[in-house]
Amino acid sequence: MLEKIRAVIATGNAHKLEEIATMLQDFPIEAVSMKEVGLGNMDIEETGTTFEENALLKAMAVCEATNSLSLADDSGLEVDVLDGRPGVYSARYAGENATDQENNAKLLKELENVPIEKRSGRFVCALAAAFPNGEVLVTRGEVEGYIDFEEKGVNGFGYDPLFYVPQHRKTFGELSPEIKNRMSHRSRALGNLKEMLIQYFEE
């Protein structure tokens, strides 16, 4: 098994940090926040056009600043009837400093009068690992669902209260963190990345 190594999680989002740290508890990686390494005020511009590009931008910037392994995620919601929107703009769909409630309200407005069978979409998470030697690993995870007609549940964050998962007959906002973390887009991406990291360190 790998020896425990430190990885700086390149996010200022406390919810994402908590989810990633929780999912890494059974893995020999110690998740450290940007704040803990003195990068609490670091602002990384997300100029990529894909989730993978943005995840890489963040991971590489933090790796360069800390000279240590850095993990970054870029995630969002793709809605089929909206041609994939909000996509990479999920966090700022209703404006640069939009709240979750404002983003959700805009999405519901755009889907007004759209029947449930046409409200299909997916949560996407791209995860990147950047190493001090310049090497990088990138993967993604997805989970399919539908956009509900109103917010339901108080768990999670972002679009979770609107994202309905048929197999559980609940939104992400209604699922317990334990269940969500077992099947979410982020957990699937992290599962892929864990395998890639084991292979990387064994080579």
N, C-alpha and C. Protein backbone atom coordinates (compact mmCIF):
# COMPACT_ATOMS: atom_id res chain seq x y z
N MET A 1 0.85 -1.20 0.00
CA MET A 1 0.00 0.00 0.00
C MET A 1 0.88 1.24 0.00
N LEU A 2 0.35 2.31 -0.53
CA LEU A 2 1.10 3.56 -0.59
C LEU A 2 1.34 4.12 0.80
N GLU A 3 2.45 4.80 0.96
CA GLU A 3 2.66 5.57 2.19
C GLU A 3 1.77 6.81 2.12
N LYS A 4 1.39 7.31 3.29
CA LYS A 4 0.50 8.48 3.34
C LYS A 4 1.23 9.69 2.76
N ILE A 5 0.61 10.36 1.80
CA ILE A 5 1.21 11.54 1.21
C ILE A 5 0.22 12.71 1.29
N ARG A 6 0.76 13.89 1.31
CA ARG A 6 -0.06 15.10 1.42
C ARG A 6 -0.49 15.57 0.03
N ALA A 7 -1.73 15.97 -0.06
CA ALA A 7 -2.23 16.55 -1.30
C ALA A 7 -3.03 17.79 -0.97
N VAL A 8 -2.69 18.90 -1.61
CA VAL A 8 -3.43 20.14 -1.42
C VAL A 8 -4.65 20.10 -2.34
N ILE A 9 -5.83 20.29 -1.76
CA ILE A 9 -7.06 20.26 -2.55
C ILE A 9 -7.32 21.68 -3.06
N ALA A 10 -7.25 21.83 -4.38
CA ALA A 10 -7.31 23.16 -4.99
C ALA A 10 -8.75 23.64 -5.16
N THR A 11 -9.37 23.98 -4.04
CA THR A 11 -10.71 24.55 -4.09
C THR A 11 -10.91 25.49 -2.91
N GLY A 12 -11.70 26.53 -3.15
CA GLY A 12 -12.08 27.42 -2.06
C GLY A 12 -13.48 27.11 -1.58
N ASN A 13 -14.09 26.08 -2.18
CA ASN A 13 -15.45 25.67 -1.83
C ASN A 13 -15.40 24.68 -0.67
N ALA A 14 -15.88 25.12 0.49
CA ALA A 14 -15.80 24.30 1.70
C ALA A 14 -16.57 22.99 1.55
N HIS A 15 -17.69 23.02 0.81
CA HIS A 15 -18.49 21.81 0.61
C HIS A 15 -17.71 20.77 -0.20
N LYS A 16 -17.08 21.22 -1.28
CA LYS A 16 -16.28 20.30 -2.11
C LYS A 16 -15.12 19.73 -1.31
N LEU A 17 -14.45 20.59 -0.55
CA LEU A 17 -13.31 20.17 0.26
C LEU A 17 -13.73 19.07 1.23
N GLU A 18 -14.86 19.27 1.89
CA GLU A 18 -15.35 18.29 2.86
C GLU A 18 -15.69 16.96 2.19
N GLU A 19 -16.36 17.03 1.03
CA GLU A 19 -16.71 15.81 0.30
C GLU A 19 -15.47 15.04 -0.13
N ILE A 20 -14.49 15.75 -0.71
CA ILE A 20 -13.28 15.09 -1.20
C ILE A 20 -12.49 14.49 -0.04
N ALA A 21 -12.34 15.26 1.05
CA ALA A 21 -11.61 14.77 2.22
C ALA A 21 -12.28 13.52 2.80
N THR A 22 -13.61 13.53 2.84
CA THR A 22 -14.36 12.36 3.36
C THR A 22 -14.11 11.14 2.48
N MET A 23 -14.14 11.35 1.15
CA MET A 23 -13.96 10.23 0.23
C MET A 23 -12.52 9.70 0.22
N LEU A 24 -11.57 10.50 0.72
CA LEU A 24 -10.17 10.08 0.75
C LEU A 24 -9.78 9.44 2.09
N GLN A 25 -10.74 9.34 3.01
CA GLN A 25 -10.40 8.83 4.35
C GLN A 25 -9.84 7.42 4.33
N ASP A 26 -10.27 6.59 3.36
CA ASP A 26 -9.80 5.20 3.29
C ASP A 26 -8.61 5.06 2.35
N PHE A 27 -8.00 6.17 1.98
CA PHE A 27 -6.91 6.17 0.99
C PHE A 27 -5.70 6.88 1.61
N PRO A 28 -4.48 6.44 1.29
CA PRO A 28 -3.30 7.04 1.94
C PRO A 28 -2.94 8.43 1.43
N ILE A 29 -3.93 9.31 1.40
CA ILE A 29 -3.68 10.71 1.05
C ILE A 29 -4.25 11.59 2.15
N GLU A 30 -3.44 12.51 2.61
CA GLU A 30 -3.89 13.48 3.61
C GLU A 30 -4.35 14.73 2.87
N ALA A 31 -5.64 14.99 2.89
CA ALA A 31 -6.20 16.15 2.19
C ALA A 31 -5.95 17.42 3.00
N VAL A 32 -5.29 18.39 2.36
CA VAL A 32 -4.97 19.66 3.01
C VAL A 32 -5.64 20.79 2.23
N SER A 33 -6.22 21.74 2.92
CA SER A 33 -6.91 22.84 2.23
C SER A 33 -5.91 23.90 1.77
N MET A 34 -6.33 24.73 0.83
CA MET A 34 -5.49 25.83 0.37
C MET A 34 -5.20 26.81 1.51
N LYS A 35 -6.17 26.98 2.36
CA LYS A 35 -6.01 27.89 3.51
C LYS A 35 -4.89 27.41 4.42
N GLU A 36 -4.80 26.09 4.63
CA GLU A 36 -3.78 25.51 5.51
C GLU A 36 -2.37 25.72 4.99
N VAL A 37 -2.22 25.90 3.68
CA VAL A 37 -0.88 26.11 3.11
C VAL A 37 -0.66 27.57 2.72
N GLY A 38 -1.50 28.45 3.25
CA GLY A 38 -1.32 29.89 3.02
C GLY A 38 -1.82 30.42 1.71
N LEU A 39 -2.70 29.65 1.03
CA LEU A 39 -3.21 30.09 -0.27
C LEU A 39 -4.70 30.44 -0.20
N GLY A 40 -5.15 30.80 0.99
CA GLY A 40 -6.57 31.09 1.19
C GLY A 40 -7.12 32.17 0.29
N ASN A 41 -6.27 33.12 -0.10
CA ASN A 41 -6.73 34.24 -0.94
C ASN A 41 -6.40 34.06 -2.41
N MET A 42 -5.85 32.89 -2.76
CA MET A 42 -5.45 32.66 -4.15
C MET A 42 -6.69 32.52 -5.04
N ASP A 43 -6.75 33.31 -6.10
CA ASP A 43 -7.88 33.28 -7.01
C ASP A 43 -7.41 32.76 -8.36
N ILE A 44 -7.91 31.60 -8.77
CA ILE A 44 -7.50 30.99 -10.03
C ILE A 44 -8.61 31.18 -11.05
N GLU A 45 -8.30 31.89 -12.12
CA GLU A 45 -9.31 32.16 -13.14
C GLU A 45 -9.59 30.90 -13.95
N GLU A 46 -10.85 30.53 -14.02
CA GLU A 46 -11.24 29.33 -14.75
C GLU A 46 -11.58 29.70 -16.20
N THR A 47 -10.56 29.66 -17.05
CA THR A 47 -10.72 30.10 -18.43
C THR A 47 -10.92 28.93 -19.40
N GLY A 48 -10.96 27.72 -18.89
CA GLY A 48 -11.12 26.55 -19.75
C GLY A 48 -12.52 26.45 -20.32
N THR A 49 -12.66 25.71 -21.41
CA THR A 49 -13.97 25.51 -22.03
C THR A 49 -14.55 24.13 -21.69
N THR A 50 -13.77 23.32 -20.96
CA THR A 50 -14.24 22.01 -20.51
C THR A 50 -13.95 21.86 -19.03
N PHE A 51 -14.64 20.92 -18.38
CA PHE A 51 -14.39 20.64 -16.97
C PHE A 51 -12.94 20.20 -16.76
N GLU A 52 -12.44 19.38 -17.70
CA GLU A 52 -11.07 18.88 -17.59
C GLU A 52 -10.04 20.01 -17.63
N GLU A 53 -10.24 20.96 -18.55
CA GLU A 53 -9.30 22.08 -18.67
C GLU A 53 -9.28 22.92 -17.39
N ASN A 54 -10.45 23.18 -16.82
CA ASN A 54 -10.51 23.98 -15.59
C ASN A 54 -9.90 23.24 -14.40
N ALA A 55 -10.15 21.94 -14.30
CA ALA A 55 -9.57 21.16 -13.21
C ALA A 55 -8.04 21.18 -13.30
N LEU A 56 -7.54 21.04 -14.52
CA LEU A 56 -6.08 21.08 -14.73
C LEU A 56 -5.49 22.44 -14.38
N LEU A 57 -6.16 23.50 -14.80
CA LEU A 57 -5.69 24.86 -14.50
C LEU A 57 -5.51 25.05 -12.99
N LYS A 58 -6.51 24.61 -12.23
CA LYS A 58 -6.47 24.78 -10.77
C LYS A 58 -5.41 23.90 -10.13
N ALA A 59 -5.36 22.64 -10.54
CA ALA A 59 -4.39 21.72 -9.94
C ALA A 59 -2.96 22.17 -10.21
N MET A 60 -2.68 22.59 -11.43
CA MET A 60 -1.32 23.00 -11.80
C MET A 60 -0.92 24.29 -11.10
N ALA A 61 -1.85 25.24 -10.95
CA ALA A 61 -1.54 26.51 -10.29
C ALA A 61 -1.19 26.29 -8.82
N VAL A 62 -1.95 25.44 -8.14
CA VAL A 62 -1.70 25.17 -6.72
C VAL A 62 -0.45 24.33 -6.53
N CYS A 63 -0.24 23.38 -7.43
CA CYS A 63 0.98 22.56 -7.37
C CYS A 63 2.22 23.43 -7.51
N GLU A 64 2.17 24.37 -8.46
CA GLU A 64 3.31 25.27 -8.68
C GLU A 64 3.56 26.15 -7.47
N ALA A 65 2.48 26.59 -6.82
CA ALA A 65 2.62 27.49 -5.66
C ALA A 65 3.09 26.77 -4.42
N THR A 66 2.82 25.46 -4.32
CA THR A 66 3.15 24.71 -3.10
C THR A 66 4.27 23.69 -3.28
N ASN A 67 4.58 23.39 -4.53
CA ASN A 67 5.57 22.35 -4.86
C ASN A 67 5.18 21.01 -4.22
N SER A 68 3.89 20.73 -4.21
CA SER A 68 3.43 19.44 -3.69
C SER A 68 2.25 18.96 -4.53
N LEU A 69 1.94 17.68 -4.43
CA LEU A 69 0.81 17.10 -5.15
C LEU A 69 -0.44 17.92 -4.89
N SER A 70 -1.17 18.22 -5.95
CA SER A 70 -2.41 18.98 -5.81
C SER A 70 -3.53 18.29 -6.57
N LEU A 71 -4.70 18.25 -5.95
CA LEU A 71 -5.88 17.69 -6.59
C LEU A 71 -6.91 18.80 -6.79
N ALA A 72 -7.52 18.84 -7.96
CA ALA A 72 -8.54 19.85 -8.23
C ALA A 72 -9.71 19.21 -8.96
N ASP A 73 -10.90 19.70 -8.63
CA ASP A 73 -12.09 19.22 -9.32
C ASP A 73 -12.76 20.39 -10.01
N ASP A 74 -13.36 20.11 -11.15
CA ASP A 74 -14.26 21.10 -11.75
C ASP A 74 -15.51 20.32 -12.11
N SER A 75 -16.62 20.79 -11.63
CA SER A 75 -17.84 20.02 -11.81
C SER A 75 -19.01 20.93 -12.11
N GLY A 76 -20.07 20.32 -12.60
CA GLY A 76 -21.24 21.10 -12.93
C GLY A 76 -22.35 20.23 -13.48
N LEU A 77 -23.38 20.90 -13.90
CA LEU A 77 -24.59 20.24 -14.37
C LEU A 77 -24.78 20.48 -15.87
N GLU A 78 -25.05 19.42 -16.60
CA GLU A 78 -25.37 19.52 -18.03
C GLU A 78 -26.83 19.11 -18.23
N VAL A 79 -27.62 19.98 -18.86
CA VAL A 79 -29.04 19.68 -19.11
C VAL A 79 -29.23 19.53 -20.62
N ASP A 80 -29.74 18.38 -21.01
CA ASP A 80 -29.80 18.04 -22.44
C ASP A 80 -30.63 19.04 -23.25
N VAL A 81 -31.82 19.40 -22.76
CA VAL A 81 -32.70 20.28 -23.52
C VAL A 81 -32.14 21.71 -23.62
N LEU A 82 -31.14 22.02 -22.77
CA LEU A 82 -30.48 23.34 -22.81
C LEU A 82 -29.13 23.26 -23.53
N ASP A 83 -28.96 22.21 -24.34
CA ASP A 83 -27.71 22.02 -25.11
C ASP A 83 -26.49 21.94 -24.19
N GLY A 84 -26.67 21.33 -23.02
CA GLY A 84 -25.53 21.13 -22.13
C GLY A 84 -25.32 22.23 -21.10
N ARG A 85 -26.12 23.31 -21.18
CA ARG A 85 -25.99 24.35 -20.16
C ARG A 85 -26.54 23.83 -18.83
N PRO A 86 -26.10 24.39 -17.70
CA PRO A 86 -25.11 25.46 -17.53
C PRO A 86 -23.66 25.03 -17.71
N GLY A 87 -23.36 23.72 -17.70
CA GLY A 87 -22.01 23.25 -18.00
C GLY A 87 -20.93 23.85 -17.12
N VAL A 88 -19.84 24.31 -17.75
CA VAL A 88 -18.70 24.85 -16.99
C VAL A 88 -19.06 26.16 -16.28
N TYR A 89 -20.22 26.72 -16.63
CA TYR A 89 -20.64 27.97 -15.97
C TYR A 89 -21.63 27.70 -14.83
N SER A 90 -21.72 26.46 -14.39
CA SER A 90 -22.71 26.08 -13.38
C SER A 90 -22.67 26.94 -12.14
N ALA A 91 -21.48 27.22 -11.63
CA ALA A 91 -21.35 27.97 -10.37
C ALA A 91 -21.69 29.44 -10.52
N ARG A 92 -21.63 29.93 -11.75
CA ARG A 92 -21.89 31.35 -11.99
C ARG A 92 -22.96 31.55 -13.07
N TYR A 93 -23.91 30.63 -13.10
CA TYR A 93 -24.93 30.64 -14.15
C TYR A 93 -25.78 31.90 -14.13
N ALA A 94 -26.12 32.35 -12.93
CA ALA A 94 -26.97 33.55 -12.81
C ALA A 94 -26.14 34.82 -12.60
N GLY A 95 -24.82 34.73 -12.79
CA GLY A 95 -23.94 35.88 -12.60
C GLY A 95 -22.69 35.49 -11.84
N GLU A 96 -21.67 36.33 -11.90
CA GLU A 96 -20.36 36.01 -11.33
C GLU A 96 -20.41 35.60 -9.85
N ASN A 97 -21.18 36.32 -9.05
CA ASN A 97 -21.24 36.02 -7.62
C ASN A 97 -22.60 35.47 -7.22
N ALA A 98 -23.21 34.73 -8.12
CA ALA A 98 -24.55 34.20 -7.88
C ALA A 98 -24.56 33.19 -6.74
N THR A 99 -25.65 33.18 -5.99
CA THR A 99 -25.83 32.18 -4.93
C THR A 99 -26.41 30.91 -5.54
N ASP A 100 -26.37 29.83 -4.78
CA ASP A 100 -26.98 28.58 -5.24
C ASP A 100 -28.45 28.79 -5.56
N GLN A 101 -29.14 29.56 -4.70
CA GLN A 101 -30.56 29.81 -4.90
C GLN A 101 -30.82 30.56 -6.21
N GLU A 102 -29.97 31.52 -6.53
CA GLU A 102 -30.13 32.29 -7.77
C GLU A 102 -29.88 31.42 -9.00
N ASN A 103 -28.87 30.56 -8.93
CA ASN A 103 -28.59 29.65 -10.04
C ASN A 103 -29.74 28.67 -10.25
N ASN A 104 -30.26 28.13 -9.13
CA ASN A 104 -31.37 27.19 -9.22
C ASN A 104 -32.62 27.87 -9.79
N ALA A 105 -32.87 29.11 -9.36
CA ALA A 105 -34.04 29.85 -9.85
C ALA A 105 -33.94 30.08 -11.36
N LYS A 106 -32.75 30.42 -11.84
CA LYS A 106 -32.57 30.65 -13.28
C LYS A 106 -32.81 29.35 -14.06
N LEU A 107 -32.28 28.24 -13.53
CA LEU A 107 -32.45 26.96 -14.21
C LEU A 107 -33.93 26.58 -14.27
N LEU A 108 -34.65 26.74 -13.17
CA LEU A 108 -36.07 26.43 -13.15
C LEU A 108 -36.85 27.31 -14.13
N LYS A 109 -36.48 28.56 -14.21
CA LYS A 109 -37.13 29.49 -15.14
C LYS A 109 -36.92 29.04 -16.59
N GLU A 110 -35.69 28.60 -16.90
CA GLU A 110 -35.39 28.16 -18.27
C GLU A 110 -36.11 26.87 -18.63
N LEU A 111 -36.45 26.08 -17.62
CA LEU A 111 -37.11 24.80 -17.86
C LEU A 111 -38.62 24.86 -17.63
N GLU A 112 -39.13 26.07 -17.50
CA GLU A 112 -40.56 26.26 -17.29
C GLU A 112 -41.34 25.59 -18.42
N ASN A 113 -42.37 24.83 -18.06
CA ASN A 113 -43.24 24.14 -19.02
C ASN A 113 -42.57 23.00 -19.78
N VAL A 114 -41.34 22.63 -19.39
CA VAL A 114 -40.68 21.47 -20.01
C VAL A 114 -41.07 20.23 -19.22
N PRO A 115 -41.65 19.20 -19.87
CA PRO A 115 -42.09 17.99 -19.15
C PRO A 115 -40.92 17.19 -18.61
N ILE A 116 -41.19 16.36 -17.60
CA ILE A 116 -40.13 15.64 -16.89
C ILE A 116 -39.27 14.78 -17.82
N GLU A 117 -39.89 14.15 -18.83
CA GLU A 117 -39.12 13.26 -19.70
C GLU A 117 -38.08 14.01 -20.55
N LYS A 118 -38.26 15.34 -20.66
CA LYS A 118 -37.29 16.14 -21.42
C LYS A 118 -36.36 16.92 -20.51
N ARG A 119 -36.40 16.64 -19.20
CA ARG A 119 -35.56 17.37 -18.24
C ARG A 119 -34.33 16.55 -17.83
N SER A 120 -33.90 15.66 -18.72
CA SER A 120 -32.75 14.80 -18.42
C SER A 120 -31.45 15.60 -18.42
N GLY A 121 -30.51 15.11 -17.63
CA GLY A 121 -29.20 15.76 -17.56
C GLY A 121 -28.26 14.94 -16.71
N ARG A 122 -27.12 15.51 -16.43
CA ARG A 122 -26.13 14.77 -15.64
C ARG A 122 -25.25 15.73 -14.88
N PHE A 123 -24.80 15.26 -13.73
CA PHE A 123 -23.73 15.93 -13.01
C PHE A 123 -22.42 15.38 -13.54
N VAL A 124 -21.47 16.26 -13.82
CA VAL A 124 -20.16 15.87 -14.32
C VAL A 124 -19.09 16.39 -13.37
N CYS A 125 -18.11 15.56 -13.10
CA CYS A 125 -16.95 16.00 -12.30
C CYS A 125 -15.68 15.57 -13.00
N ALA A 126 -14.81 16.52 -13.29
CA ALA A 126 -13.47 16.22 -13.79
C ALA A 126 -12.50 16.44 -12.63
N LEU A 127 -11.61 15.48 -12.44
CA LEU A 127 -10.60 15.57 -11.38
C LEU A 127 -9.23 15.54 -12.00
N ALA A 128 -8.36 16.42 -11.53
CA ALA A 128 -6.98 16.47 -12.01
C ALA A 128 -6.02 16.37 -10.83
N ALA A 129 -4.94 15.65 -11.05
CA ALA A 129 -3.85 15.60 -10.07
C ALA A 129 -2.61 16.15 -10.76
N ALA A 130 -1.95 17.10 -10.11
CA ALA A 130 -0.72 17.68 -10.67
C ALA A 130 0.43 17.40 -9.71
N PHE A 131 1.55 16.95 -10.27
CA PHE A 131 2.73 16.59 -9.49
C PHE A 131 3.84 17.62 -9.69
N PRO A 132 4.69 17.80 -8.69
CA PRO A 132 5.79 18.77 -8.80
C PRO A 132 6.73 18.53 -10.00
N ASN A 133 6.78 17.27 -10.48
CA ASN A 133 7.66 16.97 -11.62
C ASN A 133 7.03 17.34 -12.96
N GLY A 134 5.82 17.92 -12.92
CA GLY A 134 5.16 18.36 -14.14
C GLY A 134 4.16 17.38 -14.73
N GLU A 135 4.12 16.18 -14.17
CA GLU A 135 3.17 15.19 -14.68
C GLU A 135 1.77 15.46 -14.15
N VAL A 136 0.78 15.05 -14.92
CA VAL A 136 -0.63 15.26 -14.51
C VAL A 136 -1.45 14.00 -14.81
N LEU A 137 -2.51 13.85 -14.05
CA LEU A 137 -3.50 12.80 -14.29
C LEU A 137 -4.87 13.48 -14.34
N VAL A 138 -5.72 13.06 -15.27
CA VAL A 138 -7.06 13.65 -15.39
C VAL A 138 -8.09 12.55 -15.63
N THR A 139 -9.22 12.65 -14.95
CA THR A 139 -10.30 11.69 -15.17
C THR A 139 -11.63 12.39 -14.94
N ARG A 140 -12.73 11.68 -15.20
CA ARG A 140 -14.05 12.28 -14.96
C ARG A 140 -15.03 11.23 -14.47
N GLY A 141 -16.08 11.70 -13.81
CA GLY A 141 -17.17 10.84 -13.39
C GLY A 141 -18.48 11.53 -13.71
N GLU A 142 -19.52 10.75 -14.00
CA GLU A 142 -20.83 11.32 -14.33
C GLU A 142 -21.92 10.54 -13.63
N VAL A 143 -23.03 11.20 -13.35
CA VAL A 143 -24.22 10.51 -12.85
C VAL A 143 -25.44 11.13 -13.54
N GLU A 144 -26.30 10.25 -14.07
CA GLU A 144 -27.47 10.69 -14.84
C GLU A 144 -28.68 10.92 -13.94
N GLY A 145 -29.52 11.87 -14.34
CA GLY A 145 -30.74 12.12 -13.58
C GLY A 145 -31.65 13.07 -14.33
N TYR A 146 -32.56 13.69 -13.59
CA TYR A 146 -33.51 14.64 -14.16
C TYR A 146 -33.57 15.89 -13.28
N ILE A 147 -33.98 17.00 -13.89
CA ILE A 147 -34.14 18.24 -13.13
C ILE A 147 -35.57 18.31 -12.63
N ASP A 148 -35.73 18.32 -11.31
CA ASP A 148 -37.06 18.35 -10.71
C ASP A 148 -37.71 19.72 -10.94
N PHE A 149 -38.99 19.82 -10.58
CA PHE A 149 -39.75 21.05 -10.81
C PHE A 149 -39.61 22.06 -9.67
N GLU A 150 -39.07 21.61 -8.54
CA GLU A 150 -38.84 22.49 -7.40
C GLU A 150 -37.72 21.91 -6.54
N GLU A 151 -37.13 22.75 -5.72
CA GLU A 151 -36.06 22.29 -4.83
C GLU A 151 -36.64 21.38 -3.76
N LYS A 152 -35.94 20.26 -3.53
CA LYS A 152 -36.36 19.32 -2.49
C LYS A 152 -35.13 18.85 -1.71
N GLY A 153 -35.23 18.95 -0.38
CA GLY A 153 -34.13 18.50 0.47
C GLY A 153 -33.19 19.62 0.84
N VAL A 154 -32.50 19.44 1.94
CA VAL A 154 -31.59 20.48 2.45
C VAL A 154 -30.14 20.02 2.50
N ASN A 155 -29.87 18.80 2.04
CA ASN A 155 -28.49 18.31 2.05
C ASN A 155 -27.76 18.75 0.79
N GLY A 156 -26.43 18.62 0.84
CA GLY A 156 -25.64 18.96 -0.33
C GLY A 156 -25.55 20.45 -0.58
N PHE A 157 -25.30 20.82 -1.83
CA PHE A 157 -25.13 22.22 -2.21
C PHE A 157 -25.35 22.36 -3.70
N GLY A 158 -25.29 23.60 -4.19
CA GLY A 158 -25.45 23.82 -5.63
C GLY A 158 -26.81 23.38 -6.13
N TYR A 159 -26.80 22.57 -7.19
CA TYR A 159 -28.04 22.12 -7.82
C TYR A 159 -28.59 20.84 -7.19
N ASP A 160 -27.97 20.37 -6.11
CA ASP A 160 -28.39 19.10 -5.48
C ASP A 160 -29.89 19.01 -5.20
N PRO A 161 -30.55 20.07 -4.69
CA PRO A 161 -31.99 19.96 -4.40
C PRO A 161 -32.87 19.82 -5.64
N LEU A 162 -32.30 20.06 -6.83
CA LEU A 162 -33.07 19.94 -8.07
C LEU A 162 -32.75 18.66 -8.84
N PHE A 163 -31.66 17.99 -8.49
CA PHE A 163 -31.18 16.86 -9.28
C PHE A 163 -31.82 15.56 -8.79
N TYR A 164 -32.80 15.08 -9.56
CA TYR A 164 -33.57 13.90 -9.17
C TYR A 164 -32.93 12.63 -9.73
N VAL A 165 -32.70 11.65 -8.82
CA VAL A 165 -32.06 10.39 -9.21
C VAL A 165 -33.13 9.30 -9.18
N PRO A 166 -33.54 8.78 -10.35
CA PRO A 166 -34.65 7.82 -10.42
C PRO A 166 -34.48 6.60 -9.54
N GLN A 167 -33.26 6.03 -9.47
CA GLN A 167 -33.12 4.78 -8.72
C GLN A 167 -33.37 4.96 -7.22
N HIS A 168 -33.19 6.18 -6.73
CA HIS A 168 -33.47 6.44 -5.31
C HIS A 168 -34.80 7.18 -5.11
N ARG A 169 -35.39 7.63 -6.21
CA ARG A 169 -36.64 8.40 -6.17
C ARG A 169 -36.52 9.62 -5.25
N LYS A 170 -35.35 10.21 -5.26
CA LYS A 170 -35.08 11.39 -4.44
C LYS A 170 -34.11 12.30 -5.19
N THR A 171 -34.06 13.57 -4.76
CA THR A 171 -33.03 14.47 -5.27
C THR A 171 -31.76 14.26 -4.46
N PHE A 172 -30.65 14.75 -4.97
CA PHE A 172 -29.39 14.72 -4.20
C PHE A 172 -29.57 15.46 -2.87
N GLY A 173 -30.41 16.47 -2.87
CA GLY A 173 -30.66 17.25 -1.66
C GLY A 173 -31.39 16.46 -0.59
N GLU A 174 -32.09 15.39 -1.01
CA GLU A 174 -32.83 14.55 -0.06
C GLU A 174 -32.02 13.34 0.38
N LEU A 175 -30.97 13.00 -0.35
CA LEU A 175 -30.15 11.84 0.00
C LEU A 175 -29.22 12.16 1.17
N SER A 176 -28.91 11.16 1.97
CA SER A 176 -27.92 11.36 3.04
C SER A 176 -26.55 11.52 2.40
N PRO A 177 -25.63 12.24 3.05
CA PRO A 177 -24.28 12.40 2.49
C PRO A 177 -23.61 11.06 2.21
N GLU A 178 -23.89 10.04 3.05
CA GLU A 178 -23.26 8.73 2.88
C GLU A 178 -23.69 8.09 1.56
N ILE A 179 -25.00 8.15 1.27
CA ILE A 179 -25.50 7.55 0.03
C ILE A 179 -25.02 8.36 -1.18
N LYS A 180 -25.12 9.68 -1.08
CA LYS A 180 -24.68 10.53 -2.19
C LYS A 180 -23.20 10.30 -2.49
N ASN A 181 -22.38 10.22 -1.44
CA ASN A 181 -20.93 10.07 -1.65
C ASN A 181 -20.55 8.71 -2.23
N ARG A 182 -21.48 7.76 -2.18
CA ARG A 182 -21.18 6.45 -2.77
C ARG A 182 -21.45 6.41 -4.26
N MET A 183 -22.34 7.30 -4.74
CA MET A 183 -22.74 7.19 -6.15
C MET A 183 -22.68 8.49 -6.93
N SER A 184 -22.15 9.53 -6.33
CA SER A 184 -22.13 10.83 -7.01
C SER A 184 -21.07 10.88 -8.12
N HIS A 185 -21.18 11.91 -8.95
CA HIS A 185 -20.19 12.15 -10.00
C HIS A 185 -18.80 12.34 -9.42
N ARG A 186 -18.73 13.00 -8.25
CA ARG A 186 -17.43 13.25 -7.62
C ARG A 186 -16.81 11.95 -7.09
N SER A 187 -17.65 11.10 -6.51
CA SER A 187 -17.12 9.83 -5.98
C SER A 187 -16.67 8.92 -7.12
N ARG A 188 -17.38 8.97 -8.25
CA ARG A 188 -16.97 8.14 -9.39
C ARG A 188 -15.65 8.63 -9.98
N ALA A 189 -15.50 9.94 -10.08
CA ALA A 189 -14.24 10.50 -10.59
C ALA A 189 -13.10 10.18 -9.62
N LEU A 190 -13.38 10.29 -8.32
CA LEU A 190 -12.34 10.04 -7.33
C LEU A 190 -11.96 8.56 -7.30
N GLY A 191 -12.94 7.68 -7.53
CA GLY A 191 -12.64 6.25 -7.62
C GLY A 191 -11.68 5.98 -8.77
N ASN A 192 -11.94 6.61 -9.91
CA ASN A 192 -11.04 6.47 -11.07
C ASN A 192 -9.65 7.00 -10.73
N LEU A 193 -9.62 8.17 -10.07
CA LEU A 193 -8.34 8.81 -9.77
C LEU A 193 -7.53 7.98 -8.77
N LYS A 194 -8.19 7.38 -7.82
CA LYS A 194 -7.49 6.52 -6.84
C LYS A 194 -6.75 5.40 -7.56
N GLU A 195 -7.43 4.76 -8.52
CA GLU A 195 -6.80 3.68 -9.29
C GLU A 195 -5.60 4.20 -10.07
N MET A 196 -5.75 5.38 -10.67
CA MET A 196 -4.67 5.98 -11.44
C MET A 196 -3.48 6.34 -10.54
N LEU A 197 -3.77 6.82 -9.33
CA LEU A 197 -2.71 7.19 -8.39
C LEU A 197 -1.94 5.96 -7.92
N ILE A 198 -2.66 4.86 -7.64
CA ILE A 198 -2.00 3.63 -7.21
C ILE A 198 -1.05 3.16 -8.30
N GLN A 199 -1.55 3.17 -9.55
CA GLN A 199 -0.70 2.75 -10.68
C GLN A 199 0.49 3.69 -10.85
N TYR A 200 0.25 5.00 -10.68
CA TYR A 200 1.31 5.99 -10.84
C TYR A 200 2.44 5.74 -9.84
N PHE A 201 2.08 5.53 -8.59
CA PHE A 201 3.10 5.38 -7.55
C PHE A 201 3.78 4.01 -7.57
N GLU A 202 3.13 3.04 -8.21
CA GLU A 202 3.73 1.71 -8.31
C GLU A 202 4.74 1.63 -9.44
N GLU A 203 4.61 2.54 -10.42
CA GLU A 203 5.51 2.50 -11.59
C GLU A 203 6.89 3.05 -11.26
